[in-house]
Amino acid sequence: MFKRLVILFFNLLFPPLAVLLLCGFGADFAMNCFLFVLAIIPSHIHGMYISFVYFHRKNKVRKGRLPGRRRGLIYSEKVQNGGATQGQLNDLKVLEQDRARPMDGKKVQREWRKTG
């Protein structure tokens, strides 16, 4: 929660710094600096977009779900993956595949009786 507030604070004051903290030096940071020099409002919008996507995907990974498909205008793998490493994403893929497998008939009947 504290990290979100710090990022929000930097997003309001100086968006390129917030993007730098989330993404590091890269295409996202360069784009945000360019937008900041060009006009300040688009830089704020881009910075908020990156931070919202990052924290939403981080919550998904924390809950054991895959972050989802790639988002446009975000080039940082850290943001795209919600801060998860490639190994963690591979583990989540295995868990998702295990959840998607059909259960045998007896287990399905027991589960149906519990919920029904």
C-alpha atoms as a PDB file:
ATOM      1  CA  MET A   1       0.000   0.000   0.000  1.00  0.00           C
ATOM      2  CA  PHE A   2       2.857   2.361   0.811  1.00  0.00           C
ATOM      3  CA  LYS A   3       4.493   1.743  -2.570  1.00  0.00           C
ATOM      4  CA  ARG A   4       1.223   2.599  -4.327  1.00  0.00           C
ATOM      5  CA  LEU A   5       0.966   5.885  -2.461  1.00  0.00           C
ATOM      6  CA  VAL A   6       4.575   6.803  -3.253  1.00  0.00           C
ATOM      7  CA  ILE A   7       4.069   6.007  -6.943  1.00  0.00           C
ATOM      8  CA  LEU A   8       0.811   8.000  -6.974  1.00  0.00           C
ATOM      9  CA  PHE A   9       2.543  10.947  -5.315  1.00  0.00           C
ATOM     10  CA  PHE A  10       5.368  10.893  -7.870  1.00  0.00           C
ATOM     11  CA  ASN A  11       2.826  10.480 -10.669  1.00  0.00           C
ATOM     12  CA  LEU A  12       1.109  13.660  -9.597  1.00  0.00           C
ATOM     13  CA  LEU A  13       4.310  15.691  -9.207  1.00  0.00           C
ATOM     14  CA  PHE A  14       6.692  14.308 -11.823  1.00  0.00           C
ATOM     15  CA  PRO A  15       5.392  11.341 -13.874  1.00  0.00           C
ATOM     16  CA  PRO A  16       8.735  10.327 -15.457  1.00  0.00           C
ATOM     17  CA  LEU A  17      10.102   9.585 -11.971  1.00  0.00           C
ATOM     18  CA  ALA A  18       7.169   7.277 -11.207  1.00  0.00           C
ATOM     19  CA  VAL A  19       7.674   5.461 -14.518  1.00  0.00           C
ATOM     20  CA  LEU A  20      11.398   5.193 -13.800  1.00  0.00           C
ATOM     21  CA  LEU A  21      10.672   3.588 -10.414  1.00  0.00           C
ATOM     22  CA  LEU A  22       8.282   1.049 -11.957  1.00  0.00           C
ATOM     23  CA  CYS A  23       9.975   0.272 -15.282  1.00  0.00           C
ATOM     24  CA  GLY A  24      13.573   1.371 -15.013  1.00  0.00           C
ATOM     25  CA  PHE A  25      15.410   2.991 -17.902  1.00  0.00           C
ATOM     26  CA  GLY A  26      13.829   1.889 -21.149  1.00  0.00           C
ATOM     27  CA  ALA A  27      11.255   2.678 -23.782  1.00  0.00           C
ATOM     28  CA  ASP A  28       8.498   3.459 -21.271  1.00  0.00           C
ATOM     29  CA  PHE A  29      10.682   5.963 -19.450  1.00  0.00           C
ATOM     30  CA  ALA A  30      11.804   7.580 -22.718  1.00  0.00           C
ATOM     31  CA  MET A  31       8.217   7.838 -23.959  1.00  0.00           C
ATOM     32  CA  ASN A  32       7.070   9.389 -20.708  1.00  0.00           C
ATOM     33  CA  CYS A  33       9.912  11.929 -20.742  1.00  0.00           C
ATOM     34  CA  PHE A  34       9.024  12.818 -24.328  1.00  0.00           C
ATOM     35  CA  LEU A  35       5.370  13.255 -23.373  1.00  0.00           C
ATOM     36  CA  PHE A  36       6.378  15.353 -20.361  1.00  0.00           C
ATOM     37  CA  VAL A  37       8.440  17.704 -22.523  1.00  0.00           C
ATOM     38  CA  LEU A  38       5.759  17.822 -25.209  1.00  0.00           C
ATOM     39  CA  ALA A  39       2.832  18.381 -22.839  1.00  0.00           C
ATOM     40  CA  ILE A  40       2.456  17.547 -19.182  1.00  0.00           C
ATOM     41  CA  ILE A  41      -1.085  16.055 -19.161  1.00  0.00           C
ATOM     42  CA  PRO A  42      -0.338  13.134 -21.557  1.00  0.00           C
ATOM     43  CA  SER A  43       2.641  12.271 -19.383  1.00  0.00           C
ATOM     44  CA  HIS A  44       0.370  12.059 -16.334  1.00  0.00           C
ATOM     45  CA  ILE A  45      -2.097   9.853 -18.203  1.00  0.00           C
ATOM     46  CA  HIS A  46       0.656   7.527 -19.445  1.00  0.00           C
ATOM     47  CA  GLY A  47       2.238   7.313 -15.993  1.00  0.00           C
ATOM     48  CA  MET A  48      -1.089   6.515 -14.318  1.00  0.00           C
ATOM     49  CA  TYR A  49      -1.834   3.909 -16.992  1.00  0.00           C
ATOM     50  CA  ILE A  50       1.486   2.165 -16.367  1.00  0.00           C
ATOM     51  CA  SER A  51       1.070   2.217 -12.587  1.00  0.00           C
ATOM     52  CA  PHE A  52      -2.531   0.950 -12.689  1.00  0.00           C
ATOM     53  CA  VAL A  53      -1.600  -1.898 -15.038  1.00  0.00           C
ATOM     54  CA  TYR A  54       1.407  -2.815 -12.883  1.00  0.00           C
ATOM     55  CA  PHE A  55      -0.493  -2.939  -9.591  1.00  0.00           C
ATOM     56  CA  HIS A  56      -3.494  -4.737 -11.110  1.00  0.00           C
ATOM     57  CA  ARG A  57      -1.234  -7.428 -12.572  1.00  0.00           C
ATOM     58  CA  LYS A  58       0.742  -7.663  -9.340  1.00  0.00           C
ATOM     59  CA  ASN A  59      -2.491  -8.426  -7.463  1.00  0.00           C
ATOM     60  CA  LYS A  60      -3.362 -11.107 -10.017  1.00  0.00           C
ATOM     61  CA  VAL A  61       0.039 -12.765  -9.601  1.00  0.00           C
ATOM     62  CA  ARG A  62      -0.249 -12.541  -5.819  1.00  0.00           C
ATOM     63  CA  LYS A  63      -3.600 -14.369  -6.023  1.00  0.00           C
ATOM     64  CA  GLY A  64      -2.042 -17.119  -8.152  1.00  0.00           C
ATOM     65  CA  ARG A  65      -3.456 -16.096 -11.529  1.00  0.00           C
ATOM     66  CA  LEU A  66      -1.672 -15.270 -14.760  1.00  0.00           C
ATOM     67  CA  PRO A  67      -1.355 -11.527 -15.466  1.00  0.00           C
ATOM     68  CA  GLY A  68      -3.157 -11.712 -18.827  1.00  0.00           C
ATOM     69  CA  ARG A  69      -2.382 -10.595 -22.357  1.00  0.00           C
ATOM     70  CA  ARG A  70       0.066  -7.835 -23.164  1.00  0.00           C
ATOM     71  CA  ARG A  71      -1.150  -4.250 -22.867  1.00  0.00           C
ATOM     72  CA  GLY A  72      -0.468  -1.614 -25.472  1.00  0.00           C
ATOM     73  CA  LEU A  73       2.009   1.224 -24.974  1.00  0.00           C
ATOM     74  CA  ILE A  74       3.825  -0.684 -22.217  1.00  0.00           C
ATOM     75  CA  TYR A  75       7.201  -2.121 -23.172  1.00  0.00           C
ATOM     76  CA  SER A  76       8.539  -3.096 -19.747  1.00  0.00           C
ATOM     77  CA  GLU A  77       8.438  -6.819 -18.998  1.00  0.00           C
ATOM     78  CA  LYS A  78       8.328  -6.022 -15.275  1.00  0.00           C
ATOM     79  CA  VAL A  79       5.040  -4.173 -15.714  1.00  0.00           C
ATOM     80  CA  GLN A  80       3.623  -6.688 -18.201  1.00  0.00           C
ATOM     81  CA  ASN A  81       4.332  -9.546 -15.769  1.00  0.00           C
ATOM     82  CA  GLY A  82       3.187  -7.722 -12.638  1.00  0.00           C
ATOM     83  CA  GLY A  83       6.662  -7.887 -11.134  1.00  0.00           C
ATOM     84  CA  ALA A  84       6.812 -11.692 -11.452  1.00  0.00           C
ATOM     85  CA  THR A  85       9.868 -13.498 -12.791  1.00  0.00           C
ATOM     86  CA  GLN A  86       9.688 -15.844 -15.761  1.00  0.00           C
ATOM     87  CA  GLY A  87      10.001 -18.827 -13.409  1.00  0.00           C
ATOM     88  CA  GLN A  88       7.032 -17.657 -11.353  1.00  0.00           C
ATOM     89  CA  LEU A  89       4.982 -17.200 -14.528  1.00  0.00           C
ATOM     90  CA  ASN A  90       5.850 -20.729 -15.645  1.00  0.00           C
ATOM     91  CA  ASP A  91       4.700 -22.065 -12.266  1.00  0.00           C
ATOM     92  CA  LEU A  92       1.440 -20.121 -12.611  1.00  0.00           C
ATOM     93  CA  LYS A  93       0.906 -21.588 -16.098  1.00  0.00           C
ATOM     94  CA  VAL A  94       1.265 -25.094 -14.678  1.00  0.00           C
ATOM     95  CA  LEU A  95      -1.250 -24.258 -11.922  1.00  0.00           C
ATOM     96  CA  GLU A  96      -3.696 -22.832 -14.484  1.00  0.00           C
ATOM     97  CA  GLN A  97      -3.394 -25.983 -16.594  1.00  0.00           C
ATOM     98  CA  ASP A  98      -4.014 -28.156 -13.522  1.00  0.00           C
ATOM     99  CA  ARG A  99      -7.139 -26.156 -12.699  1.00  0.00           C
ATOM    100  CA  ALA A 100      -8.404 -26.507 -16.262  1.00  0.00           C
ATOM    101  CA  ARG A 101      -8.099 -30.327 -16.304  1.00  0.00           C
ATOM    102  CA  PRO A 102     -11.405 -32.122 -15.893  1.00  0.00           C
ATOM    103  CA  MET A 103     -11.797 -34.144 -12.710  1.00  0.00           C
ATOM    104  CA  ASP A 104     -12.926 -37.756 -12.732  1.00  0.00           C
ATOM    105  CA  GLY A 105     -16.659 -38.440 -12.261  1.00  0.00           C
ATOM    106  CA  LYS A 106     -16.676 -39.133  -8.506  1.00  0.00           C
ATOM    107  CA  LYS A 107     -14.790 -35.978  -7.638  1.00  0.00           C
ATOM    108  CA  VAL A 108     -17.084 -33.907  -9.835  1.00  0.00           C
ATOM    109  CA  GLN A 109     -20.170 -35.382  -8.129  1.00  0.00           C
ATOM    110  CA  ARG A 110     -18.724 -34.665  -4.674  1.00  0.00           C
ATOM    111  CA  GLU A 111     -17.826 -31.106  -5.645  1.00  0.00           C
ATOM    112  CA  TRP A 112     -21.295 -30.591  -7.139  1.00  0.00           C
ATOM    113  CA  ARG A 113     -22.964 -31.849  -3.969  1.00  0.00           C
ATOM    114  CA  LYS A 114     -20.877 -29.509  -1.818  1.00  0.00           C
ATOM    115  CA  THR A 115     -21.799 -26.458  -3.852  1.00  0.00           C
ATOM    116  CA  GLY A 116     -25.369 -27.480  -4.766  1.00  0.00           C
END
